[in-house]
Each structure stands twice: as structure tokens, then as C-alpha cells.
Amino acid sequence: MKLSRTMMIVMLGCAPIALAQQPGQNSPLAPHSRFGNPTSIARIYQSYIFGIVRKDEKNKLILDKTEFGNDQTFKLTKKTKFIRNDKPVKRETLKRGTMVWIDMRRDKKTGDLIARKVVTGVAPTAKP
């Protein structure tokens, strides 16, 4: 009789602890469980600027819908590389409405945004 009473007291004492921890609550993927961790999906493009080509002029590329706002201008130089599907292409392949990722730097003197690399197409696989 005493043993069953002791077991009952122990079980009732542990019940609030068991109910407080729900499955998946302490899982490392819980905040992103449906889609996975977004920082691991496109890690190579985290420092790039995303936008949609609005206008392609002689020495500049104007993008729409960037993090800077609409109609953001990026200067193009002779060193700017254009990549589509992980292969180098000519600049003429860019058309209005194309989604691009731009690796850019800011000119220290003028503050202009200068494109180093313009990437479009299917993302390459991350290389270790």
C-alpha cells in the first residue's frame, strides 16, 4: 500500500514537468521546421544584392526591387563579370525583367555602387 502511494506521489510530481515540455519545442529546427534553415539554403548569396533588371545602359545597370529601394543604379566596369547558370556569359544576355544577384562594392570617393559580379540563372551548388 505504501509503495503504491509513493509511486502515485512521484508520478503526480513529475506530471507538470512532462507536460511543460512539448515535442519539438526544444528542437534546433523548430523556428524553421517547415522550410529548413534559410541561411543554409543560399549561403553563397548572403552578401549579394538581389534585384530585377529594369534598364541596361552603356556603363550602368538599373535594378528594381532591391533592398535599397526602386531604381537602384550599379556602375559596370571592364572587370564586371556576368555569370548565368554558373558559366561566364556576355552582358547582352541580360534582359529587362531578369532576376539577378550582384556582388558589389561602394566607391569610397563618390559613394557609387560598382558591380563586381552579376549572377543570374540556377544557383551553383555550394563548394566546401
N, C-alpha and C. Protein backbone atom coordinates (compact mmCIF):
# COMPACT_ATOMS: atom_id res chain seq x y z
N MET A 1 0.82 -1.19 0.00
CA MET A 1 0.00 0.00 0.00
C MET A 1 0.87 1.25 0.00
N LYS A 2 1.92 1.24 0.86
CA LYS A 2 2.80 2.40 0.92
C LYS A 2 3.56 2.58 -0.40
N LEU A 3 3.91 1.47 -1.03
CA LEU A 3 4.64 1.54 -2.28
C LEU A 3 3.79 2.17 -3.39
N SER A 4 2.54 1.78 -3.46
CA SER A 4 1.67 2.35 -4.49
C SER A 4 1.40 3.83 -4.23
N ARG A 5 1.28 4.23 -2.96
CA ARG A 5 1.09 5.64 -2.63
C ARG A 5 2.33 6.45 -3.00
N THR A 6 3.49 5.93 -2.72
CA THR A 6 4.75 6.61 -3.06
C THR A 6 4.88 6.76 -4.57
N MET A 7 4.56 5.72 -5.30
CA MET A 7 4.63 5.78 -6.77
C MET A 7 3.65 6.81 -7.32
N MET A 8 2.48 6.89 -6.73
CA MET A 8 1.46 7.86 -7.16
C MET A 8 1.95 9.29 -6.92
N ILE A 9 2.56 9.53 -5.79
CA ILE A 9 3.07 10.87 -5.46
C ILE A 9 4.20 11.25 -6.41
N VAL A 10 5.08 10.31 -6.69
CA VAL A 10 6.19 10.57 -7.63
C VAL A 10 5.63 10.85 -9.03
N MET A 11 4.67 10.09 -9.48
CA MET A 11 4.09 10.28 -10.81
C MET A 11 3.39 11.63 -10.92
N LEU A 12 2.63 12.00 -9.90
CA LEU A 12 1.94 13.28 -9.92
C LEU A 12 2.92 14.44 -9.81
N GLY A 13 4.03 14.23 -9.15
CA GLY A 13 5.05 15.27 -9.05
C GLY A 13 5.77 15.50 -10.37
N CYS A 14 5.89 14.47 -11.19
CA CYS A 14 6.59 14.59 -12.48
C CYS A 14 5.67 15.03 -13.61
N ALA A 15 4.39 14.97 -13.43
CA ALA A 15 3.44 15.30 -14.49
C ALA A 15 3.59 16.73 -15.00
N PRO A 16 3.71 17.75 -14.12
CA PRO A 16 3.87 19.11 -14.65
C PRO A 16 5.13 19.30 -15.49
N ILE A 17 6.19 18.60 -15.15
CA ILE A 17 7.44 18.69 -15.91
C ILE A 17 7.24 18.07 -17.28
N ALA A 18 6.59 16.92 -17.33
CA ALA A 18 6.37 16.25 -18.61
C ALA A 18 5.44 17.05 -19.50
N LEU A 19 4.44 17.71 -18.93
CA LEU A 19 3.51 18.49 -19.73
C LEU A 19 4.13 19.80 -20.22
N ALA A 20 5.09 20.34 -19.49
CA ALA A 20 5.71 21.61 -19.88
C ALA A 20 6.56 21.45 -21.13
N GLN A 21 7.17 20.29 -21.32
CA GLN A 21 8.00 20.06 -22.48
C GLN A 21 7.18 19.38 -23.55
N GLN A 22 6.83 20.13 -24.59
CA GLN A 22 6.07 19.55 -25.68
C GLN A 22 7.04 19.11 -26.76
N PRO A 23 6.70 18.10 -27.53
CA PRO A 23 7.61 17.61 -28.55
C PRO A 23 7.91 18.68 -29.60
N GLY A 24 9.19 18.78 -29.97
CA GLY A 24 9.61 19.74 -30.99
C GLY A 24 9.86 21.13 -30.48
N GLN A 25 9.54 21.40 -29.23
CA GLN A 25 9.68 22.75 -28.71
C GLN A 25 11.15 23.14 -28.56
N ASN A 26 11.99 22.21 -28.18
CA ASN A 26 13.41 22.49 -28.00
C ASN A 26 14.24 22.05 -29.19
N SER A 27 13.61 21.70 -30.28
CA SER A 27 14.31 21.26 -31.47
C SER A 27 15.07 22.43 -32.10
N PRO A 28 16.30 22.20 -32.60
CA PRO A 28 17.04 23.29 -33.21
C PRO A 28 16.38 23.80 -34.50
N LEU A 29 15.53 23.00 -35.13
CA LEU A 29 14.88 23.43 -36.37
C LEU A 29 13.47 23.96 -36.13
N ALA A 30 13.05 24.06 -34.89
CA ALA A 30 11.67 24.45 -34.60
C ALA A 30 11.24 25.76 -35.25
N PRO A 31 12.03 26.86 -35.20
CA PRO A 31 11.56 28.09 -35.83
C PRO A 31 11.46 27.98 -37.35
N HIS A 32 12.24 27.08 -37.96
CA HIS A 32 12.27 26.96 -39.42
C HIS A 32 11.87 25.56 -39.85
N SER A 33 11.11 24.86 -39.05
CA SER A 33 10.90 23.44 -39.30
C SER A 33 10.23 23.16 -40.63
N ARG A 34 9.44 24.07 -41.13
CA ARG A 34 8.72 23.79 -42.38
C ARG A 34 9.62 23.93 -43.60
N PHE A 35 10.47 24.95 -43.61
CA PHE A 35 11.28 25.21 -44.79
C PHE A 35 12.77 24.99 -44.57
N GLY A 36 13.18 24.61 -43.39
CA GLY A 36 14.59 24.44 -43.10
C GLY A 36 15.22 25.77 -42.70
N ASN A 37 16.50 25.77 -42.51
CA ASN A 37 17.21 26.97 -42.09
C ASN A 37 17.51 27.82 -43.32
N PRO A 38 16.95 29.03 -43.42
CA PRO A 38 17.13 29.82 -44.63
C PRO A 38 18.56 30.28 -44.85
N THR A 39 19.37 30.34 -43.81
CA THR A 39 20.75 30.80 -44.01
C THR A 39 21.62 29.73 -44.65
N SER A 40 21.19 28.48 -44.63
CA SER A 40 22.00 27.44 -45.25
C SER A 40 21.61 27.22 -46.70
N ILE A 41 20.46 27.70 -47.12
CA ILE A 41 19.99 27.46 -48.47
C ILE A 41 20.80 28.25 -49.48
N ALA A 42 20.99 29.53 -49.25
CA ALA A 42 21.69 30.37 -50.22
C ALA A 42 22.83 31.12 -49.55
N ARG A 43 23.65 30.38 -48.85
CA ARG A 43 24.75 30.99 -48.11
C ARG A 43 25.70 31.76 -49.02
N ILE A 44 25.90 31.30 -50.23
CA ILE A 44 26.85 31.98 -51.11
C ILE A 44 26.33 33.33 -51.59
N TYR A 45 25.01 33.57 -51.50
CA TYR A 45 24.45 34.84 -51.96
C TYR A 45 24.06 35.78 -50.83
N GLN A 46 24.47 35.50 -49.61
CA GLN A 46 24.07 36.35 -48.49
C GLN A 46 24.63 37.76 -48.60
N SER A 47 25.80 37.92 -49.17
CA SER A 47 26.38 39.25 -49.28
C SER A 47 26.01 39.93 -50.60
N TYR A 48 25.28 39.27 -51.46
CA TYR A 48 24.89 39.82 -52.76
C TYR A 48 23.60 40.63 -52.62
N ILE A 49 23.38 41.52 -53.57
CA ILE A 49 22.16 42.33 -53.62
C ILE A 49 21.25 41.72 -54.69
N PHE A 50 20.01 41.44 -54.33
CA PHE A 50 19.05 40.89 -55.28
C PHE A 50 18.24 42.02 -55.90
N GLY A 51 17.93 41.88 -57.17
CA GLY A 51 17.09 42.85 -57.85
C GLY A 51 16.62 42.32 -59.19
N ILE A 52 15.76 43.09 -59.82
CA ILE A 52 15.23 42.75 -61.15
C ILE A 52 15.69 43.83 -62.12
N VAL A 53 16.24 43.41 -63.25
CA VAL A 53 16.77 44.37 -64.22
C VAL A 53 15.64 45.23 -64.75
N ARG A 54 15.79 46.53 -64.58
CA ARG A 54 14.81 47.47 -65.11
C ARG A 54 15.32 48.09 -66.40
N LYS A 55 16.61 48.45 -66.40
CA LYS A 55 17.19 49.07 -67.59
C LYS A 55 18.67 48.74 -67.65
N ASP A 56 19.15 48.42 -68.84
CA ASP A 56 20.56 48.12 -69.06
C ASP A 56 21.12 49.20 -69.98
N GLU A 57 21.91 50.08 -69.42
CA GLU A 57 22.50 51.17 -70.19
C GLU A 57 23.98 50.88 -70.43
N LYS A 58 24.67 51.80 -71.09
CA LYS A 58 26.05 51.57 -71.51
C LYS A 58 26.98 51.20 -70.35
N ASN A 59 27.08 52.02 -69.35
CA ASN A 59 28.00 51.77 -68.25
C ASN A 59 27.30 51.56 -66.91
N LYS A 60 26.01 51.29 -66.94
CA LYS A 60 25.30 51.08 -65.69
C LYS A 60 24.12 50.14 -65.87
N LEU A 61 23.74 49.56 -64.77
CA LEU A 61 22.63 48.63 -64.72
C LEU A 61 21.66 49.16 -63.67
N ILE A 62 20.42 49.35 -64.04
CA ILE A 62 19.42 49.88 -63.11
C ILE A 62 18.51 48.72 -62.70
N LEU A 63 18.47 48.49 -61.37
CA LEU A 63 17.66 47.40 -60.83
C LEU A 63 16.46 47.94 -60.09
N ASP A 64 15.40 47.15 -60.11
CA ASP A 64 14.18 47.46 -59.40
C ASP A 64 14.04 46.44 -58.27
N LYS A 65 13.36 46.82 -57.21
CA LYS A 65 13.03 45.94 -56.09
C LYS A 65 14.27 45.43 -55.35
N THR A 66 15.24 46.29 -55.10
CA THR A 66 16.40 45.92 -54.31
C THR A 66 16.16 46.31 -52.85
N GLU A 67 17.09 45.96 -51.98
CA GLU A 67 16.95 46.35 -50.58
C GLU A 67 17.14 47.85 -50.40
N PHE A 68 17.73 48.52 -51.37
CA PHE A 68 17.91 49.97 -51.31
C PHE A 68 16.67 50.72 -51.78
N GLY A 69 15.75 50.02 -52.43
CA GLY A 69 14.55 50.66 -52.96
C GLY A 69 14.48 50.49 -54.47
N ASN A 70 13.56 51.18 -55.09
CA ASN A 70 13.38 51.08 -56.54
C ASN A 70 14.42 51.90 -57.28
N ASP A 71 14.70 51.49 -58.49
CA ASP A 71 15.61 52.18 -59.40
C ASP A 71 16.98 52.44 -58.77
N GLN A 72 17.65 51.38 -58.36
CA GLN A 72 19.00 51.48 -57.83
C GLN A 72 19.99 51.27 -58.96
N THR A 73 20.95 52.18 -59.10
CA THR A 73 21.91 52.14 -60.19
C THR A 73 23.23 51.53 -59.73
N PHE A 74 23.73 50.59 -60.53
CA PHE A 74 25.03 49.97 -60.30
C PHE A 74 25.91 50.26 -61.50
N LYS A 75 27.10 50.79 -61.26
CA LYS A 75 28.03 51.06 -62.36
C LYS A 75 28.70 49.76 -62.77
N LEU A 76 28.92 49.63 -64.07
CA LEU A 76 29.59 48.47 -64.63
C LEU A 76 30.97 48.88 -65.12
N THR A 77 31.97 48.05 -64.87
CA THR A 77 33.33 48.33 -65.30
C THR A 77 33.79 47.21 -66.24
N LYS A 78 35.01 47.33 -66.72
CA LYS A 78 35.57 46.29 -67.58
C LYS A 78 35.79 45.00 -66.79
N LYS A 79 35.95 45.12 -65.50
CA LYS A 79 36.21 43.96 -64.65
C LYS A 79 34.93 43.25 -64.19
N THR A 80 33.76 43.82 -64.46
CA THR A 80 32.50 43.21 -64.04
C THR A 80 32.30 41.89 -64.78
N LYS A 81 32.01 40.83 -64.03
CA LYS A 81 31.79 39.50 -64.61
C LYS A 81 30.30 39.22 -64.65
N PHE A 82 29.85 38.59 -65.72
CA PHE A 82 28.45 38.21 -65.89
C PHE A 82 28.39 36.69 -65.92
N ILE A 83 27.57 36.10 -65.04
CA ILE A 83 27.50 34.65 -64.90
C ILE A 83 26.05 34.21 -64.98
N ARG A 84 25.81 33.18 -65.79
CA ARG A 84 24.47 32.58 -65.88
C ARG A 84 24.64 31.08 -65.76
N ASN A 85 23.89 30.47 -64.85
CA ASN A 85 23.96 29.03 -64.60
C ASN A 85 25.39 28.56 -64.33
N ASP A 86 26.12 29.36 -63.56
CA ASP A 86 27.48 29.05 -63.13
C ASP A 86 28.51 29.04 -64.27
N LYS A 87 28.17 29.71 -65.39
CA LYS A 87 29.10 29.82 -66.52
C LYS A 87 29.19 31.27 -66.96
N PRO A 88 30.38 31.73 -67.36
CA PRO A 88 30.51 33.13 -67.83
C PRO A 88 29.73 33.35 -69.12
N VAL A 89 29.06 34.49 -69.21
CA VAL A 89 28.29 34.85 -70.41
C VAL A 89 28.58 36.31 -70.75
N LYS A 90 28.08 36.72 -71.91
CA LYS A 90 28.23 38.12 -72.32
C LYS A 90 27.13 38.95 -71.67
N ARG A 91 27.38 40.21 -71.58
CA ARG A 91 26.45 41.13 -70.95
C ARG A 91 25.11 41.20 -71.69
N GLU A 92 25.12 40.96 -72.97
CA GLU A 92 23.92 41.06 -73.79
C GLU A 92 22.85 40.06 -73.40
N THR A 93 23.20 39.05 -72.61
CA THR A 93 22.20 38.05 -72.21
C THR A 93 21.21 38.61 -71.18
N LEU A 94 21.57 39.73 -70.53
CA LEU A 94 20.66 40.34 -69.56
C LEU A 94 19.55 41.06 -70.30
N LYS A 95 18.33 40.78 -69.89
CA LYS A 95 17.17 41.44 -70.49
C LYS A 95 16.33 42.05 -69.38
N ARG A 96 15.46 42.93 -69.75
CA ARG A 96 14.58 43.56 -68.78
C ARG A 96 13.71 42.50 -68.12
N GLY A 97 13.60 42.56 -66.78
CA GLY A 97 12.80 41.61 -66.02
C GLY A 97 13.58 40.42 -65.50
N THR A 98 14.87 40.32 -65.82
CA THR A 98 15.69 39.22 -65.35
C THR A 98 16.03 39.41 -63.87
N MET A 99 15.90 38.36 -63.08
CA MET A 99 16.28 38.41 -61.67
C MET A 99 17.79 38.19 -61.58
N VAL A 100 18.48 39.08 -60.86
CA VAL A 100 19.93 38.99 -60.74
C VAL A 100 20.36 39.17 -59.29
N TRP A 101 21.53 38.64 -58.99
CA TRP A 101 22.21 38.87 -57.72
C TRP A 101 23.52 39.56 -58.07
N ILE A 102 23.82 40.64 -57.36
CA ILE A 102 25.00 41.44 -57.68
C ILE A 102 25.94 41.47 -56.49
N ASP A 103 27.19 41.10 -56.76
CA ASP A 103 28.25 41.29 -55.79
C ASP A 103 28.82 42.67 -56.08
N MET A 104 28.72 43.56 -55.11
CA MET A 104 29.08 44.95 -55.38
C MET A 104 30.00 45.49 -54.31
N ARG A 105 30.59 46.61 -54.63
CA ARG A 105 31.38 47.38 -53.67
C ARG A 105 31.00 48.84 -53.82
N ARG A 106 31.23 49.61 -52.78
CA ARG A 106 30.92 51.03 -52.81
C ARG A 106 32.21 51.81 -53.04
N ASP A 107 32.19 52.73 -54.02
CA ASP A 107 33.35 53.57 -54.28
C ASP A 107 33.54 54.53 -53.10
N LYS A 108 34.75 54.58 -52.55
CA LYS A 108 35.00 55.39 -51.36
C LYS A 108 34.89 56.88 -51.62
N LYS A 109 35.28 57.31 -52.80
CA LYS A 109 35.26 58.75 -53.10
C LYS A 109 33.88 59.25 -53.48
N THR A 110 33.22 58.56 -54.39
CA THR A 110 31.94 59.04 -54.91
C THR A 110 30.72 58.41 -54.23
N GLY A 111 30.91 57.24 -53.62
CA GLY A 111 29.79 56.55 -52.99
C GLY A 111 28.96 55.74 -53.97
N ASP A 112 29.39 55.65 -55.23
CA ASP A 112 28.66 54.88 -56.23
C ASP A 112 28.77 53.38 -55.94
N LEU A 113 27.76 52.64 -56.34
CA LEU A 113 27.77 51.19 -56.21
C LEU A 113 28.34 50.60 -57.48
N ILE A 114 29.42 49.84 -57.36
CA ILE A 114 30.09 49.27 -58.52
C ILE A 114 29.91 47.75 -58.49
N ALA A 115 29.38 47.21 -59.58
CA ALA A 115 29.11 45.77 -59.66
C ALA A 115 30.40 45.02 -59.98
N ARG A 116 30.72 44.05 -59.16
CA ARG A 116 31.86 43.17 -59.43
C ARG A 116 31.43 41.97 -60.23
N LYS A 117 30.28 41.39 -59.81
CA LYS A 117 29.78 40.17 -60.44
C LYS A 117 28.26 40.25 -60.51
N VAL A 118 27.71 39.91 -61.68
CA VAL A 118 26.26 39.86 -61.88
C VAL A 118 25.90 38.41 -62.18
N VAL A 119 25.09 37.81 -61.29
CA VAL A 119 24.77 36.39 -61.39
C VAL A 119 23.28 36.23 -61.65
N THR A 120 22.95 35.32 -62.57
CA THR A 120 21.55 35.01 -62.87
C THR A 120 21.44 33.53 -63.19
N GLY A 121 20.23 33.02 -63.24
CA GLY A 121 20.02 31.61 -63.57
C GLY A 121 19.98 30.74 -62.34
N VAL A 122 20.26 29.47 -62.54
CA VAL A 122 20.22 28.48 -61.47
C VAL A 122 21.44 28.65 -60.58
N ALA A 123 21.23 28.61 -59.28
CA ALA A 123 22.33 28.77 -58.34
C ALA A 123 23.26 27.58 -58.37
N PRO A 124 24.56 27.82 -58.32
CA PRO A 124 25.50 26.71 -58.27
C PRO A 124 25.45 26.02 -56.92
N THR A 125 25.94 24.82 -56.85
CA THR A 125 25.99 24.14 -55.56
C THR A 125 27.12 24.71 -54.75
N ALA A 126 26.94 24.77 -53.46
CA ALA A 126 27.97 25.33 -52.58
C ALA A 126 29.17 24.41 -52.57
N LYS A 127 30.35 24.99 -52.72
CA LYS A 127 31.58 24.22 -52.72
C LYS A 127 32.23 24.31 -51.35
N PRO A 128 32.66 23.19 -50.79
CA PRO A 128 33.25 23.22 -49.45
C PRO A 128 34.58 23.93 -49.42
